[in-house]
C-alpha atoms as a PDB file:
ATOM      1  CA  MET A   1     -16.218 -12.306 -21.027  1.00  0.00           C
ATOM      2  CA  MET A   2     -14.710  -8.814 -20.797  1.00  0.00           C
ATOM      3  CA  GLU A   3     -16.566  -8.128 -17.553  1.00  0.00           C
ATOM      4  CA  ARG A   4     -15.172 -11.320 -16.029  1.00  0.00           C
ATOM      5  CA  LEU A   5     -11.662 -10.440 -17.213  1.00  0.00           C
ATOM      6  CA  LEU A   6     -11.860  -6.999 -15.625  1.00  0.00           C
ATOM      7  CA  GLN A   7     -13.212  -8.499 -12.406  1.00  0.00           C
ATOM      8  CA  LEU A   8     -10.311 -10.951 -12.284  1.00  0.00           C
ATOM      9  CA  ASP A   9      -7.936  -8.097 -13.017  1.00  0.00           C
ATOM     10  CA  THR A  10      -9.321  -6.169 -10.045  1.00  0.00           C
ATOM     11  CA  GLU A  11      -9.116  -9.204  -7.761  1.00  0.00           C
ATOM     12  CA  LEU A  12      -5.486  -9.818  -8.713  1.00  0.00           C
ATOM     13  CA  PHE A  13      -4.699  -6.147  -8.197  1.00  0.00           C
ATOM     14  CA  LEU A  14      -6.203  -6.151  -4.703  1.00  0.00           C
ATOM     15  CA  PHE A  15      -4.217  -9.272  -3.845  1.00  0.00           C
ATOM     16  CA  PHE A  16      -0.862  -7.832  -4.927  1.00  0.00           C
ATOM     17  CA  ASN A  17      -1.618  -4.366  -3.570  1.00  0.00           C
ATOM     18  CA  GLY A  18      -2.518  -5.978  -0.262  1.00  0.00           C
ATOM     19  CA  LEU A  19       1.008  -7.385   0.113  1.00  0.00           C
ATOM     20  CA  HIS A  20       2.396  -4.287   1.750  1.00  0.00           C
ATOM     21  CA  ALA A  21       4.216  -3.287   4.902  1.00  0.00           C
ATOM     22  CA  PRO A  22       4.756   0.174   6.433  1.00  0.00           C
ATOM     23  CA  TRP A  23       8.546  -0.202   6.330  1.00  0.00           C
ATOM     24  CA  ALA A  24       8.473  -0.907   2.574  1.00  0.00           C
ATOM     25  CA  ASP A  25       6.296   2.026   1.489  1.00  0.00           C
ATOM     26  CA  ARG A  26       9.061   4.609   1.220  1.00  0.00           C
ATOM     27  CA  PHE A  27      11.453   2.252  -0.546  1.00  0.00           C
ATOM     28  CA  VAL A  28       8.878   1.081  -3.104  1.00  0.00           C
ATOM     29  CA  TYR A  29       7.875   4.670  -3.826  1.00  0.00           C
ATOM     30  CA  LEU A  30      11.512   5.591  -4.526  1.00  0.00           C
ATOM     31  CA  PHE A  31      12.050   2.389  -6.518  1.00  0.00           C
ATOM     32  CA  SER A  32       9.230   3.449  -8.844  1.00  0.00           C
ATOM     33  CA  GLN A  33      10.589   6.936  -9.538  1.00  0.00           C
ATOM     34  CA  ILE A  34      12.463   7.462 -12.822  1.00  0.00           C
ATOM     35  CA  TRP A  35      15.075   9.798 -11.303  1.00  0.00           C
ATOM     36  CA  PHE A  36      15.962   7.144  -8.711  1.00  0.00           C
ATOM     37  CA  TRP A  37      17.539   5.084 -11.501  1.00  0.00           C
ATOM     38  CA  THR A  38      19.735   7.855 -12.930  1.00  0.00           C
ATOM     39  CA  PRO A  39      22.958   6.049 -11.853  1.00  0.00           C
ATOM     40  CA  LEU A  40      21.789   2.924 -13.708  1.00  0.00           C
ATOM     41  CA  TYR A  41      21.046   4.904 -16.869  1.00  0.00           C
ATOM     42  CA  LEU A  42      24.460   6.586 -16.703  1.00  0.00           C
ATOM     43  CA  LEU A  43      26.083   3.167 -16.282  1.00  0.00           C
ATOM     44  CA  LEU A  44      24.257   1.861 -19.355  1.00  0.00           C
ATOM     45  CA  ILE A  45      25.443   4.842 -21.404  1.00  0.00           C
ATOM     46  CA  PHE A  46      28.999   4.175 -20.234  1.00  0.00           C
ATOM     47  CA  LEU A  47      28.737   0.494 -21.195  1.00  0.00           C
ATOM     48  CA  VAL A  48      27.298   1.311 -24.619  1.00  0.00           C
ATOM     49  CA  PHE A  49      30.312   3.460 -25.453  1.00  0.00           C
ATOM     50  CA  LYS A  50      32.709   0.988 -23.871  1.00  0.00           C
ATOM     51  CA  PHE A  51      31.427  -1.890 -26.008  1.00  0.00           C
ATOM     52  CA  TYR A  52      30.678  -0.004 -29.235  1.00  0.00           C
ATOM     53  CA  ARG A  53      33.098   2.935 -29.073  1.00  0.00           C
ATOM     54  CA  LYS A  54      32.523   5.283 -32.037  1.00  0.00           C
ATOM     55  CA  LYS A  55      29.320   3.478 -32.965  1.00  0.00           C
ATOM     56  CA  GLY A  56      28.019   3.952 -29.445  1.00  0.00           C
ATOM     57  CA  TRP A  57      26.042   6.979 -30.600  1.00  0.00           C
ATOM     58  CA  MET A  58      24.171   4.753 -33.035  1.00  0.00           C
ATOM     59  CA  VAL A  59      23.319   2.213 -30.337  1.00  0.00           C
ATOM     60  CA  LEU A  60      22.386   4.960 -27.877  1.00  0.00           C
ATOM     61  CA  ALA A  61      20.057   6.426 -30.522  1.00  0.00           C
ATOM     62  CA  VAL A  62      18.309   3.039 -30.733  1.00  0.00           C
ATOM     63  CA  PHE A  63      17.816   3.071 -26.950  1.00  0.00           C
ATOM     64  CA  VAL A  64      16.420   6.619 -26.953  1.00  0.00           C
ATOM     65  CA  LEU A  65      14.162   6.077 -29.978  1.00  0.00           C
ATOM     66  CA  THR A  66      12.796   2.807 -28.599  1.00  0.00           C
ATOM     67  CA  ILE A  67      11.935   4.264 -25.192  1.00  0.00           C
ATOM     68  CA  THR A  68      10.427   7.360 -26.820  1.00  0.00           C
ATOM     69  CA  LEU A  69       8.201   5.285 -29.102  1.00  0.00           C
ATOM     70  CA  THR A  70       7.205   3.009 -26.243  1.00  0.00           C
ATOM     71  CA  ASP A  71       6.379   5.854 -23.890  1.00  0.00           C
ATOM     72  CA  GLN A  72       4.427   7.893 -26.453  1.00  0.00           C
ATOM     73  CA  THR A  73       2.467   4.851 -27.611  1.00  0.00           C
ATOM     74  CA  CYS A  74       1.404   4.159 -24.028  1.00  0.00           C
ATOM     75  CA  ASN A  75       0.336   7.774 -23.553  1.00  0.00           C
ATOM     76  CA  LEU A  76      -1.635   7.700 -26.801  1.00  0.00           C
ATOM     77  CA  VAL A  77      -3.456   4.512 -25.796  1.00  0.00           C
ATOM     78  CA  LYS A  78      -4.094   5.835 -22.268  1.00  0.00           C
ATOM     79  CA  ASN A  79      -5.767   8.939 -23.644  1.00  0.00           C
ATOM     80  CA  SER A  80      -7.843   6.849 -26.048  1.00  0.00           C
ATOM     81  CA  VAL A  81      -8.935   3.980 -23.778  1.00  0.00           C
ATOM     82  CA  LEU A  82      -9.411   6.203 -20.683  1.00  0.00           C
ATOM     83  CA  ARG A  83      -9.258   3.372 -18.167  1.00  0.00           C
ATOM     84  CA  LEU A  84      -9.009   4.857 -14.699  1.00  0.00           C
ATOM     85  CA  ARG A  85      -6.152   3.803 -12.473  1.00  0.00           C
ATOM     86  CA  PRO A  86      -7.241   1.764  -9.431  1.00  0.00           C
ATOM     87  CA  SER A  87      -6.201   4.724  -7.271  1.00  0.00           C
ATOM     88  CA  HIS A  88      -8.870   6.799  -9.035  1.00  0.00           C
ATOM     89  CA  THR A  89     -11.597   4.132  -8.990  1.00  0.00           C
ATOM     90  CA  GLU A  90     -14.237   4.907  -6.362  1.00  0.00           C
ATOM     91  CA  ALA A  91     -15.627   1.356  -6.264  1.00  0.00           C
ATOM     92  CA  ILE A  92     -12.442   0.014  -4.655  1.00  0.00           C
ATOM     93  CA  ALA A  93     -11.149   3.197  -3.005  1.00  0.00           C
ATOM     94  CA  THR A  94     -11.525   1.849   0.536  1.00  0.00           C
ATOM     95  CA  ASP A  95      -9.696  -1.381  -0.311  1.00  0.00           C
ATOM     96  CA  ILE A  96      -6.536   0.124  -1.800  1.00  0.00           C
ATOM     97  CA  HIS A  97      -3.271   0.742  -0.006  1.00  0.00           C
ATOM     98  CA  LEU A  98      -1.775   4.059  -1.165  1.00  0.00           C
ATOM     99  CA  VAL A  99       1.588   5.340   0.029  1.00  0.00           C
ATOM    100  CA  GLN A 100       2.514   8.814   1.194  1.00  0.00           C
ATOM    101  CA  GLN A 101       4.814  10.971  -0.882  1.00  0.00           C
ATOM    102  CA  PRO A 102       7.611  13.007   0.747  1.00  0.00           C
ATOM    103  CA  ASP A 103       5.266  16.032   0.788  1.00  0.00           C
ATOM    104  CA  GLY A 104       2.785  14.092   2.937  1.00  0.00           C
ATOM    105  CA  ASN A 105       0.147  13.630   0.231  1.00  0.00           C
ATOM    106  CA  ARG A 106      -0.888  10.199  -0.953  1.00  0.00           C
ATOM    107  CA  TYR A 107       0.451   9.063  -4.322  1.00  0.00           C
ATOM    108  CA  PHE A 108      -2.350   8.601  -6.870  1.00  0.00           C
ATOM    109  CA  GLY A 109      -0.603   8.864 -10.245  1.00  0.00           C
ATOM    110  CA  GLY A 110      -2.351  10.356 -13.271  1.00  0.00           C
ATOM    111  CA  ASN A 111      -5.975   9.626 -14.097  1.00  0.00           C
ATOM    112  CA  TYR A 112      -5.497   6.852 -16.640  1.00  0.00           C
ATOM    113  CA  GLY A 113      -3.257   3.808 -16.489  1.00  0.00           C
ATOM    114  CA  PHE A 114      -3.794   1.460 -19.444  1.00  0.00           C
ATOM    115  CA  PRO A 115      -1.211   0.432 -20.468  1.00  0.00           C
ATOM    116  CA  SER A 116       1.542   1.027 -17.925  1.00  0.00           C
ATOM    117  CA  ALA A 117       4.305   3.183 -19.379  1.00  0.00           C
ATOM    118  CA  HIS A 118       6.587   2.160 -16.488  1.00  0.00           C
ATOM    119  CA  ALA A 119       6.158  -1.503 -17.405  1.00  0.00           C
ATOM    120  CA  ALA A 120       6.541  -0.830 -21.125  1.00  0.00           C
ATOM    121  CA  ASN A 121       9.638   1.336 -20.799  1.00  0.00           C
ATOM    122  CA  SER A 122      11.350  -0.942 -18.305  1.00  0.00           C
ATOM    123  CA  MET A 123      10.741  -4.064 -20.390  1.00  0.00           C
ATOM    124  CA  ALA A 124      11.907  -2.304 -23.556  1.00  0.00           C
ATOM    125  CA  LEU A 125      15.080  -1.249 -21.748  1.00  0.00           C
ATOM    126  CA  ALA A 126      15.592  -4.761 -20.367  1.00  0.00           C
ATOM    127  CA  PHE A 127      15.324  -6.262 -23.870  1.00  0.00           C
ATOM    128  CA  LEU A 128      17.752  -3.695 -25.276  1.00  0.00           C
ATOM    129  CA  VAL A 129      20.253  -4.466 -22.522  1.00  0.00           C
ATOM    130  CA  ILE A 130      19.970  -8.159 -23.395  1.00  0.00           C
ATOM    131  CA  PHE A 131      20.339  -7.528 -27.129  1.00  0.00           C
ATOM    132  CA  PHE A 132      23.206  -5.065 -26.974  1.00  0.00           C
ATOM    133  CA  LEU A 133      25.043  -5.465 -23.673  1.00  0.00           C
ATOM    134  CA  SER A 134      24.722  -9.017 -22.347  1.00  0.00           C
ATOM    135  CA  LYS A 135      27.360 -10.608 -24.615  1.00  0.00           C
ATOM    136  CA  GLY A 136      25.994 -14.038 -23.755  1.00  0.00           C
ATOM    137  CA  LYS A 137      26.167 -13.454 -19.990  1.00  0.00           C
ATOM    138  CA  LYS A 138      22.931 -14.968 -18.744  1.00  0.00           C
ATOM    139  CA  TRP A 139      23.119 -13.198 -15.390  1.00  0.00           C
ATOM    140  CA  VAL A 140      22.880  -9.830 -17.169  1.00  0.00           C
ATOM    141  CA  ALA A 141      19.714 -10.965 -18.938  1.00  0.00           C
ATOM    142  CA  VAL A 142      18.253 -12.314 -15.688  1.00  0.00           C
ATOM    143  CA  MET A 143      19.027  -9.099 -13.798  1.00  0.00           C
ATOM    144  CA  ALA A 144      17.539  -6.943 -16.566  1.00  0.00           C
ATOM    145  CA  ILE A 145      14.272  -8.883 -16.616  1.00  0.00           C
ATOM    146  CA  LEU A 146      14.126  -9.072 -12.801  1.00  0.00           C
ATOM    147  CA  TRP A 147      14.584  -5.297 -12.576  1.00  0.00           C
ATOM    148  CA  SER A 148      11.708  -4.764 -15.019  1.00  0.00           C
ATOM    149  CA  LEU A 149       9.439  -7.166 -13.125  1.00  0.00           C
ATOM    150  CA  LEU A 150      10.188  -5.526  -9.769  1.00  0.00           C
ATOM    151  CA  LEU A 151       9.594  -2.076 -11.197  1.00  0.00           C
ATOM    152  CA  ALA A 152       6.255  -3.266 -12.584  1.00  0.00           C
ATOM    153  CA  TYR A 153       5.328  -4.816  -9.230  1.00  0.00           C
ATOM    154  CA  SER A 154       6.031  -1.494  -7.549  1.00  0.00           C
ATOM    155  CA  ARG A 155       3.187  -0.009  -9.604  1.00  0.00           C
ATOM    156  CA  LEU A 156       0.785  -2.610  -8.202  1.00  0.00           C
ATOM    157  CA  TYR A 157       2.097  -2.004  -4.687  1.00  0.00           C
ATOM    158  CA  LEU A 158       1.560   1.738  -5.086  1.00  0.00           C
ATOM    159  CA  GLY A 159      -2.007   1.171  -6.254  1.00  0.00           C
ATOM    160  CA  VAL A 160      -1.669   2.949  -9.590  1.00  0.00           C
ATOM    161  CA  HIS A 161      -1.911   0.040 -12.057  1.00  0.00           C
ATOM    162  CA  TYR A 162      -3.899  -3.123 -12.598  1.00  0.00           C
ATOM    163  CA  PRO A 163      -2.106  -6.344 -13.627  1.00  0.00           C
ATOM    164  CA  LEU A 164      -3.601  -6.029 -17.124  1.00  0.00           C
ATOM    165  CA  ASP A 165      -2.038  -2.563 -17.424  1.00  0.00           C
ATOM    166  CA  ILE A 166       1.314  -4.130 -16.567  1.00  0.00           C
ATOM    167  CA  LEU A 167       0.940  -7.090 -18.927  1.00  0.00           C
ATOM    168  CA  CYS A 168      -0.030  -4.925 -21.885  1.00  0.00           C
ATOM    169  CA  GLY A 169       2.813  -2.553 -21.056  1.00  0.00           C
ATOM    170  CA  PHE A 170       5.242  -5.472 -21.168  1.00  0.00           C
ATOM    171  CA  ILE A 171       3.900  -6.451 -24.585  1.00  0.00           C
ATOM    172  CA  VAL A 172       4.250  -2.921 -25.974  1.00  0.00           C
ATOM    173  CA  GLY A 173       7.785  -2.519 -24.641  1.00  0.00           C
ATOM    174  CA  SER A 174       9.084  -5.898 -25.775  1.00  0.00           C
ATOM    175  CA  CYS A 175       7.554  -5.522 -29.253  1.00  0.00           C
ATOM    176  CA  TYR A 176       9.188  -2.134 -29.805  1.00  0.00           C
ATOM    177  CA  ALA A 177      12.541  -3.396 -28.539  1.00  0.00           C
ATOM    178  CA  ILE A 178      12.451  -6.442 -30.816  1.00  0.00           C
ATOM    179  CA  LEU A 179      11.387  -4.328 -33.805  1.00  0.00           C
ATOM    180  CA  MET A 180      14.158  -1.802 -33.242  1.00  0.00           C
ATOM    181  CA  MET A 181      16.734  -4.549 -32.795  1.00  0.00           C
ATOM    182  CA  ILE A 182      15.681  -6.098 -36.123  1.00  0.00           C
ATOM    183  CA  LEU A 183      15.847  -2.728 -37.893  1.00  0.00           C
ATOM    184  CA  TYR A 184      19.228  -2.025 -36.336  1.00  0.00           C
ATOM    185  CA  ARG A 185      20.681  -5.331 -37.476  1.00  0.00           C
ATOM    186  CA  LYS A 186      19.244  -5.006 -40.967  1.00  0.00           C
ATOM    187  CA  TRP A 187      19.915  -1.385 -41.838  1.00  0.00           C
ATOM    188  CA  LEU A 188      22.274   0.238 -39.407  1.00  0.00           C
ATOM    189  CA  SER A 189      25.121  -1.998 -38.370  1.00  0.00           C
ATOM    190  CA  GLU A 190      25.483  -5.764 -38.384  1.00  0.00           C
ATOM    191  CA  ALA A 191      29.068  -5.406 -37.212  1.00  0.00           C
ATOM    192  CA  THR A 192      28.222  -3.693 -33.937  1.00  0.00           C
ATOM    193  CA  PHE A 193      25.469  -6.034 -32.799  1.00  0.00           C
ATOM    194  CA  CYS A 194      26.488  -7.802 -29.606  1.00  0.00           C
ATOM    195  CA  LYS A 195      26.538 -11.512 -30.467  1.00  0.00           C
ATOM    196  CA  LYS A 196      26.766 -14.404 -28.070  1.00  0.00           C
END
């Protein structure tokens, strides 16, 4: 059963990784970099303080703590499970499309990729945006989830994650975000929670 699941995971990876084009390589590489989204993160910080004013620090602390827990959990699991990224798997090395970095070297990522911290962190952030900043505006929720999905897809495109890495990352990120939202509402501040 597990062998079949991993085989299917590899087949799905090769399918999605195969959907590439030379003109998209540079953009997808940038799209996947954390620093590329600095303007978005600054905008979110601005919106947190705009909506919650003095209690913005409390909400911002929830964001930071959630992402920290999500990221560290993924790293802990990666170093325990030790599942090689597809980019480091010799059996499929000739079938993978890898992009060039600005320095001319191909982008491989770290050795291990299960679960995807990019997927986990982006989904956690998307859920927090929905919980705290959407104010019932469905388009905000849609954009947040779409951003997370595209960021996760970029990891498949770059050849550094399997679909199962992504899926499990989504689960980790969403679970932490939901847990922190519940704790926030219960113990920190019912008054500042953004209701529809």
